[in-house]
PDB file of N, CA and C in Angstrom:
ATOM      1  N   MET A   1     104.562  73.752  60.920  1.00  0.00           N
ATOM      2  CA  MET A   1     104.249  74.863  61.889  1.00  0.00           C
ATOM      3  C   MET A   1     105.616  75.172  62.606  1.00  0.00           C
ATOM      4  N   ALA A   2     105.738  76.436  62.870  1.00  0.00           N
ATOM      5  CA  ALA A   2     107.117  76.899  63.363  1.00  0.00           C
ATOM      6  C   ALA A   2     107.407  76.042  64.725  1.00  0.00           C
ATOM      7  N   ASN A   3     108.631  75.813  64.886  1.00  0.00           N
ATOM      8  CA  ASN A   3     109.141  75.216  66.127  1.00  0.00           C
ATOM      9  C   ASN A   3     108.689  75.813  67.564  1.00  0.00           C
ATOM     10  N   GLN A   4     108.845  77.045  67.637  1.00  0.00           N
ATOM     11  CA  GLN A   4     108.545  77.796  68.864  1.00  0.00           C
ATOM     12  C   GLN A   4     107.050  77.598  69.129  1.00  0.00           C
ATOM     13  N   LYS A   5     106.283  77.797  68.244  1.00  0.00           N
ATOM     14  CA  LYS A   5     104.734  77.535  68.495  1.00  0.00           C
ATOM     15  C   LYS A   5     104.408  76.102  68.777  1.00  0.00           C
ATOM     16  N   ARG A   6     105.057  75.184  68.126  1.00  0.00           N
ATOM     17  CA  ARG A   6     104.703  73.707  68.491  1.00  0.00           C
ATOM     18  C   ARG A   6     105.140  73.575  69.944  1.00  0.00           C
ATOM     19  N   LEU A   7     106.397  74.171  70.421  1.00  0.00           N
ATOM     20  CA  LEU A   7     106.964  73.794  71.765  1.00  0.00           C
ATOM     21  C   LEU A   7     105.893  74.414  72.721  1.00  0.00           C
ATOM     22  N   GLU A   8     105.234  75.740  72.509  1.00  0.00           N
ATOM     23  CA  GLU A   8     104.403  76.410  73.362  1.00  0.00           C
ATOM     24  C   GLU A   8     103.220  75.518  73.691  1.00  0.00           C
ATOM     25  N   VAL A   9     102.688  74.901  72.504  1.00  0.00           N
ATOM     26  CA  VAL A   9     101.486  74.140  72.507  1.00  0.00           C
ATOM     27  C   VAL A   9     101.726  72.741  73.324  1.00  0.00           C
ATOM     28  N   ALA A  10     102.898  72.351  73.057  1.00  0.00           N
ATOM     29  CA  ALA A  10     103.402  70.966  73.741  1.00  0.00           C
ATOM     30  C   ALA A  10     103.556  71.271  75.250  1.00  0.00           C
ATOM     31  N   ARG A  11     103.963  72.523  75.531  1.00  0.00           N
ATOM     32  CA  ARG A  11     104.100  72.612  76.991  1.00  0.00           C
ATOM     33  C   ARG A  11     102.895  72.896  77.715  1.00  0.00           C
ATOM     34  N   ALA A  12     101.891  73.537  77.025  1.00  0.00           N
ATOM     35  CA  ALA A  12     100.591  73.677  77.503  1.00  0.00           C
ATOM     36  C   ALA A  12      99.956  72.299  77.744  1.00  0.00           C
ATOM     37  N   LEU A  13     100.058  71.486  76.793  1.00  0.00           N
ATOM     38  CA  LEU A  13      99.439  70.021  76.758  1.00  0.00           C
ATOM     39  C   LEU A  13      99.961  69.183  77.764  1.00  0.00           C
ATOM     40  N   ALA A  14     101.389  69.439  78.220  1.00  0.00           N
ATOM     41  CA  ALA A  14     102.016  68.554  79.230  1.00  0.00           C
ATOM     42  C   ALA A  14     101.119  68.646  80.490  1.00  0.00           C
ATOM     43  N   THR A  15     100.576  69.669  80.707  1.00  0.00           N
ATOM     44  CA  THR A  15      99.867  69.770  82.089  1.00  0.00           C
ATOM     45  C   THR A  15      98.453  69.079  82.117  1.00  0.00           C
ATOM     46  N   LYS A  16      98.051  68.570  80.869  1.00  0.00           N
ATOM     47  CA  LYS A  16      96.614  67.825  80.517  1.00  0.00           C
ATOM     48  C   LYS A  16      95.635  68.774  80.961  1.00  0.00           C
ATOM     49  N   PRO A  17      95.574  69.787  80.361  1.00  0.00           N
ATOM     50  CA  PRO A  17      94.497  70.871  80.657  1.00  0.00           C
ATOM     51  C   PRO A  17      92.999  70.366  80.045  1.00  0.00           C
ATOM     52  N   GLU A  18      92.128  70.956  80.746  1.00  0.00           N
ATOM     53  CA  GLU A  18      90.761  70.721  80.175  1.00  0.00           C
ATOM     54  C   GLU A  18      90.475  71.923  79.320  1.00  0.00           C
ATOM     55  N   LEU A  19      91.010  73.078  79.486  1.00  0.00           N
ATOM     56  CA  LEU A  19      90.971  74.043  78.583  1.00  0.00           C
ATOM     57  C   LEU A  19      92.162  74.589  78.064  1.00  0.00           C
ATOM     58  N   LEU A  20      92.226  75.027  76.809  1.00  0.00           N
ATOM     59  CA  LEU A  20      93.608  75.421  76.241  1.00  0.00           C
ATOM     60  C   LEU A  20      93.290  76.746  75.567  1.00  0.00           C
ATOM     61  N   LEU A  21      93.999  77.791  76.053  1.00  0.00           N
ATOM     62  CA  LEU A  21      93.878  79.008  75.292  1.00  0.00           C
ATOM     63  C   LEU A  21      94.908  79.234  74.238  1.00  0.00           C
ATOM     64  N   LEU A  22      94.621  79.569  72.857  1.00  0.00           N
ATOM     65  CA  LEU A  22      95.590  79.713  71.840  1.00  0.00           C
ATOM     66  C   LEU A  22      95.425  81.112  71.336  1.00  0.00           C
ATOM     67  N   ASP A  23      96.365  82.030  71.493  1.00  0.00           N
ATOM     68  CA  ASP A  23      96.402  83.399  71.235  1.00  0.00           C
ATOM     69  C   ASP A  23      97.284  83.477  69.931  1.00  0.00           C
ATOM     70  N   GLU A  24      96.445  83.834  68.851  1.00  0.00           N
ATOM     71  CA  GLU A  24      97.131  83.902  67.588  1.00  0.00           C
ATOM     72  C   GLU A  24      97.983  82.887  67.191  1.00  0.00           C
ATOM     73  N   LEU A  25      97.645  81.772  67.302  1.00  0.00           N
ATOM     74  CA  LEU A  25      98.515  80.561  66.986  1.00  0.00           C
ATOM     75  C   LEU A  25      99.018  80.540  65.631  1.00  0.00           C
ATOM     76  N   MET A  26      98.237  81.168  64.528  1.00  0.00           N
ATOM     77  CA  MET A  26      98.650  81.139  63.129  1.00  0.00           C
ATOM     78  C   MET A  26      99.202  82.397  62.706  1.00  0.00           C
ATOM     79  N   ALA A  27      99.401  83.404  63.616  1.00  0.00           N
ATOM     80  CA  ALA A  27     100.181  84.778  63.190  1.00  0.00           C
ATOM     81  C   ALA A  27     101.656  84.405  62.781  1.00  0.00           C
ATOM     82  N   GLY A  28     101.948  84.744  61.501  1.00  0.00           N
ATOM     83  CA  GLY A  28     103.123  84.685  60.881  1.00  0.00           C
ATOM     84  C   GLY A  28     103.382  83.330  60.256  1.00  0.00           C
ATOM     85  N   LEU A  29     102.424  82.399  60.262  1.00  0.00           N
ATOM     86  CA  LEU A  29     102.613  81.152  59.557  1.00  0.00           C
ATOM     87  C   LEU A  29     102.146  81.370  58.183  1.00  0.00           C
ATOM     88  N   ASN A  30     102.899  80.497  57.349  1.00  0.00           N
ATOM     89  CA  ASN A  30     102.644  80.286  55.667  1.00  0.00           C
ATOM     90  C   ASN A  30     101.514  79.365  55.842  1.00  0.00           C
ATOM     91  N   PRO A  31     100.759  79.277  54.405  1.00  0.00           N
ATOM     92  CA  PRO A  31      99.635  78.526  54.298  1.00  0.00           C
ATOM     93  C   PRO A  31      99.936  76.891  54.669  1.00  0.00           C
ATOM     94  N   THR A  32     101.048  76.458  54.470  1.00  0.00           N
ATOM     95  CA  THR A  32     101.348  75.149  54.644  1.00  0.00           C
ATOM     96  C   THR A  32     101.359  74.911  56.123  1.00  0.00           C
ATOM     97  N   GLU A  33     101.952  75.821  56.987  1.00  0.00           N
ATOM     98  CA  GLU A  33     102.082  75.937  58.391  1.00  0.00           C
ATOM     99  C   GLU A  33     100.575  75.982  59.103  1.00  0.00           C
ATOM    100  N   VAL A  34      99.952  76.767  58.493  1.00  0.00           N
ATOM    101  CA  VAL A  34      98.541  77.129  59.018  1.00  0.00           C
ATOM    102  C   VAL A  34      97.642  75.670  58.963  1.00  0.00           C
ATOM    103  N   ALA A  35      97.774  75.126  57.725  1.00  0.00           N
ATOM    104  CA  ALA A  35      97.169  73.924  57.489  1.00  0.00           C
ATOM    105  C   ALA A  35      97.662  72.646  58.683  1.00  0.00           C
ATOM    106  N   GLN A  36      99.107  72.659  58.994  1.00  0.00           N
ATOM    107  CA  GLN A  36      99.470  71.973  60.114  1.00  0.00           C
ATOM    108  C   GLN A  36      98.961  72.331  61.514  1.00  0.00           C
ATOM    109  N   ALA A  37      98.927  73.563  61.786  1.00  0.00           N
ATOM    110  CA  ALA A  37      98.311  74.162  62.891  1.00  0.00           C
ATOM    111  C   ALA A  37      96.895  73.723  63.172  1.00  0.00           C
ATOM    112  N   MET A  38      96.178  73.836  62.263  1.00  0.00           N
ATOM    113  CA  MET A  38      94.623  73.433  62.110  1.00  0.00           C
ATOM    114  C   MET A  38      94.558  71.789  62.471  1.00  0.00           C
ATOM    115  N   GLY A  39      95.452  71.200  61.839  1.00  0.00           N
ATOM    116  CA  GLY A  39      95.519  69.654  62.163  1.00  0.00           C
ATOM    117  C   GLY A  39      95.823  69.517  63.635  1.00  0.00           C
ATOM    118  N   LEU A  40      96.833  70.086  64.141  1.00  0.00           N
ATOM    119  CA  LEU A  40      97.025  69.998  65.603  1.00  0.00           C
ATOM    120  C   LEU A  40      95.774  70.486  66.352  1.00  0.00           C
ATOM    121  N   VAL A  41      95.274  71.546  66.153  1.00  0.00           N
ATOM    122  CA  VAL A  41      93.951  71.929  66.788  1.00  0.00           C
ATOM    123  C   VAL A  41      92.949  70.963  66.749  1.00  0.00           C
ATOM    124  N   THR A  42      92.675  70.177  65.540  1.00  0.00           N
ATOM    125  CA  THR A  42      91.704  69.285  65.356  1.00  0.00           C
ATOM    126  C   THR A  42      91.925  67.995  66.228  1.00  0.00           C
ATOM    127  N   ARG A  43      93.256  67.720  66.240  1.00  0.00           N
ATOM    128  CA  ARG A  43      93.524  66.451  67.123  1.00  0.00           C
ATOM    129  C   ARG A  43      93.307  66.737  68.627  1.00  0.00           C
ATOM    130  N   ILE A  44      93.798  68.087  69.043  1.00  0.00           N
ATOM    131  CA  ILE A  44      93.499  68.369  70.444  1.00  0.00           C
ATOM    132  C   ILE A  44      92.082  68.413  70.588  1.00  0.00           C
ATOM    133  N   ARG A  45      91.295  68.961  69.893  1.00  0.00           N
ATOM    134  CA  ARG A  45      89.837  69.006  69.935  1.00  0.00           C
ATOM    135  C   ARG A  45      89.214  67.614  70.190  1.00  0.00           C
ATOM    136  N   ASP A  46      89.662  66.702  69.262  1.00  0.00           N
ATOM    137  CA  ASP A  46      89.122  65.437  69.254  1.00  0.00           C
ATOM    138  C   ASP A  46      89.436  64.623  70.510  1.00  0.00           C
ATOM    139  N   LYS A  47      90.339  65.114  71.404  1.00  0.00           N
ATOM    140  CA  LYS A  47      90.761  64.539  72.534  1.00  0.00           C
ATOM    141  C   LYS A  47      89.721  64.864  73.574  1.00  0.00           C
ATOM    142  N   GLY A  48      88.954  65.795  73.265  1.00  0.00           N
ATOM    143  CA  GLY A  48      88.069  66.362  74.294  1.00  0.00           C
ATOM    144  C   GLY A  48      88.415  67.500  75.007  1.00  0.00           C
ATOM    145  N   ILE A  49      89.674  68.105  74.579  1.00  0.00           N
ATOM    146  CA  ILE A  49      89.948  69.363  75.363  1.00  0.00           C
ATOM    147  C   ILE A  49      89.266  70.495  74.699  1.00  0.00           C
ATOM    148  N   THR A  50      88.731  71.380  75.535  1.00  0.00           N
ATOM    149  CA  THR A  50      88.154  72.870  74.996  1.00  0.00           C
ATOM    150  C   THR A  50      89.141  73.615  74.696  1.00  0.00           C
ATOM    151  N   ILE A  51      89.134  74.347  73.543  1.00  0.00           N
ATOM    152  CA  ILE A  51      90.081  75.145  73.026  1.00  0.00           C
ATOM    153  C   ILE A  51      89.307  76.632  72.899  1.00  0.00           C
ATOM    154  N   PHE A  52      90.013  77.667  73.462  1.00  0.00           N
ATOM    155  CA  PHE A  52      89.442  78.917  73.357  1.00  0.00           C
ATOM    156  C   PHE A  52      90.553  79.751  72.427  1.00  0.00           C
ATOM    157  N   MET A  53      90.161  80.039  71.218  1.00  0.00           N
ATOM    158  CA  MET A  53      91.072  80.799  70.074  1.00  0.00           C
ATOM    159  C   MET A  53      90.979  81.994  69.988  1.00  0.00           C
ATOM    160  N   ILE A  54      92.015  82.837  69.980  1.00  0.00           N
ATOM    161  CA  ILE A  54      92.026  84.246  69.523  1.00  0.00           C
ATOM    162  C   ILE A  54      92.736  84.232  68.245  1.00  0.00           C
ATOM    163  N   GLU A  55      91.912  84.604  67.107  1.00  0.00           N
ATOM    164  CA  GLU A  55      92.589  84.412  65.946  1.00  0.00           C
ATOM    165  C   GLU A  55      91.919  85.300  64.858  1.00  0.00           C
ATOM    166  N   HIS A  56      93.011  85.822  63.932  1.00  0.00           N
ATOM    167  CA  HIS A  56      92.440  86.813  62.880  1.00  0.00           C
ATOM    168  C   HIS A  56      92.132  85.988  61.593  1.00  0.00           C
ATOM    169  N   VAL A  57      92.773  84.475  61.445  1.00  0.00           N
ATOM    170  CA  VAL A  57      92.535  83.769  60.306  1.00  0.00           C
ATOM    171  C   VAL A  57      91.148  83.086  60.296  1.00  0.00           C
ATOM    172  N   MET A  58      90.131  83.820  60.055  1.00  0.00           N
ATOM    173  CA  MET A  58      88.784  83.193  60.186  1.00  0.00           C
ATOM    174  C   MET A  58      88.622  82.112  59.350  1.00  0.00           C
ATOM    175  N   LYS A  59      89.020  82.155  58.291  1.00  0.00           N
ATOM    176  CA  LYS A  59      88.781  81.020  57.308  1.00  0.00           C
ATOM    177  C   LYS A  59      89.392  79.543  57.873  1.00  0.00           C
ATOM    178  N   ALA A  60      90.374  79.629  58.423  1.00  0.00           N
ATOM    179  CA  ALA A  60      90.946  78.407  59.100  1.00  0.00           C
ATOM    180  C   ALA A  60      90.232  77.893  59.998  1.00  0.00           C
ATOM    181  N   ILE A  61      89.736  78.683  60.954  1.00  0.00           N
ATOM    182  CA  ILE A  61      89.142  78.282  62.181  1.00  0.00           C
ATOM    183  C   ILE A  61      87.665  77.770  61.869  1.00  0.00           C
ATOM    184  N   MET A  62      87.133  78.335  60.833  1.00  0.00           N
ATOM    185  CA  MET A  62      85.631  78.001  60.716  1.00  0.00           C
ATOM    186  C   MET A  62      85.405  76.488  60.417  1.00  0.00           C
ATOM    187  N   SER A  63      86.377  75.689  60.034  1.00  0.00           N
ATOM    188  CA  SER A  63      86.303  74.184  59.824  1.00  0.00           C
ATOM    189  C   SER A  63      86.408  73.467  60.831  1.00  0.00           C
ATOM    190  N   VAL A  64      86.838  74.070  62.092  1.00  0.00           N
ATOM    191  CA  VAL A  64      87.403  73.175  63.378  1.00  0.00           C
ATOM    192  C   VAL A  64      86.470  73.851  64.567  1.00  0.00           C
ATOM    193  N   CYS A  65      85.758  74.824  64.500  1.00  0.00           N
ATOM    194  CA  CYS A  65      85.215  75.414  65.603  1.00  0.00           C
ATOM    195  C   CYS A  65      83.709  75.102  65.704  1.00  0.00           C
ATOM    196  N   ASP A  66      83.204  74.804  66.907  1.00  0.00           N
ATOM    197  CA  ASP A  66      81.748  74.382  67.156  1.00  0.00           C
ATOM    198  C   ASP A  66      81.018  75.818  67.309  1.00  0.00           C
ATOM    199  N   ARG A  67      81.659  76.822  67.971  1.00  0.00           N
ATOM    200  CA  ARG A  67      81.062  78.185  68.269  1.00  0.00           C
ATOM    201  C   ARG A  67      82.156  79.303  67.890  1.00  0.00           C
ATOM    202  N   ILE A  68      81.872  80.280  67.459  1.00  0.00           N
ATOM    203  CA  ILE A  68      82.570  81.277  66.977  1.00  0.00           C
ATOM    204  C   ILE A  68      81.862  82.751  67.480  1.00  0.00           C
ATOM    205  N   MET A  69      82.756  83.406  68.164  1.00  0.00           N
ATOM    206  CA  MET A  69      82.210  84.931  68.552  1.00  0.00           C
ATOM    207  C   MET A  69      83.361  85.802  67.942  1.00  0.00           C
ATOM    208  N   VAL A  70      82.620  86.876  67.319  1.00  0.00           N
ATOM    209  CA  VAL A  70      83.384  87.643  66.528  1.00  0.00           C
ATOM    210  C   VAL A  70      83.215  89.260  67.256  1.00  0.00           C
ATOM    211  N   LEU A  71      84.354  89.792  67.783  1.00  0.00           N
ATOM    212  CA  LEU A  71      84.450  91.007  68.235  1.00  0.00           C
ATOM    213  C   LEU A  71      84.843  92.092  67.235  1.00  0.00           C
ATOM    214  N   HIS A  72      84.146  93.189  67.237  1.00  0.00           N
ATOM    215  CA  HIS A  72      84.388  94.343  66.142  1.00  0.00           C
ATOM    216  C   HIS A  72      84.698  95.642  67.226  1.00  0.00           C
ATOM    217  N   HIS A  73      86.155  96.075  67.178  1.00  0.00           N
ATOM    218  CA  HIS A  73      86.487  96.989  67.852  1.00  0.00           C
ATOM    219  C   HIS A  73      86.361  96.778  69.414  1.00  0.00           C
ATOM    220  N   GLY A  74      86.506  95.664  69.741  1.00  0.00           N
ATOM    221  CA  GLY A  74      86.500  95.216  71.169  1.00  0.00           C
ATOM    222  C   GLY A  74      85.102  95.034  71.768  1.00  0.00           C
ATOM    223  N   GLU A  75      84.127  95.006  70.983  1.00  0.00           N
ATOM    224  CA  GLU A  75      82.769  94.804  71.426  1.00  0.00           C
ATOM    225  C   GLU A  75      82.083  93.521  70.791  1.00  0.00           C
TER     226      GLU A  75
END
């Protein structure tokens, strides 16, 4: 996973949030980095932190999300 994205997530986790907003976490990542990012998301989820993700990589998030909402043209 790209270092800048890791740093951003680490900064957010430092505040011990109950809710974490991840906006396009996987944008620009190669397949190996996407797998690492999803591992990180899984570990965060398993700690009981609610994660709200905005993402275009649907295949990756299907395995870790309890609920998914799809917007089409903003609706």
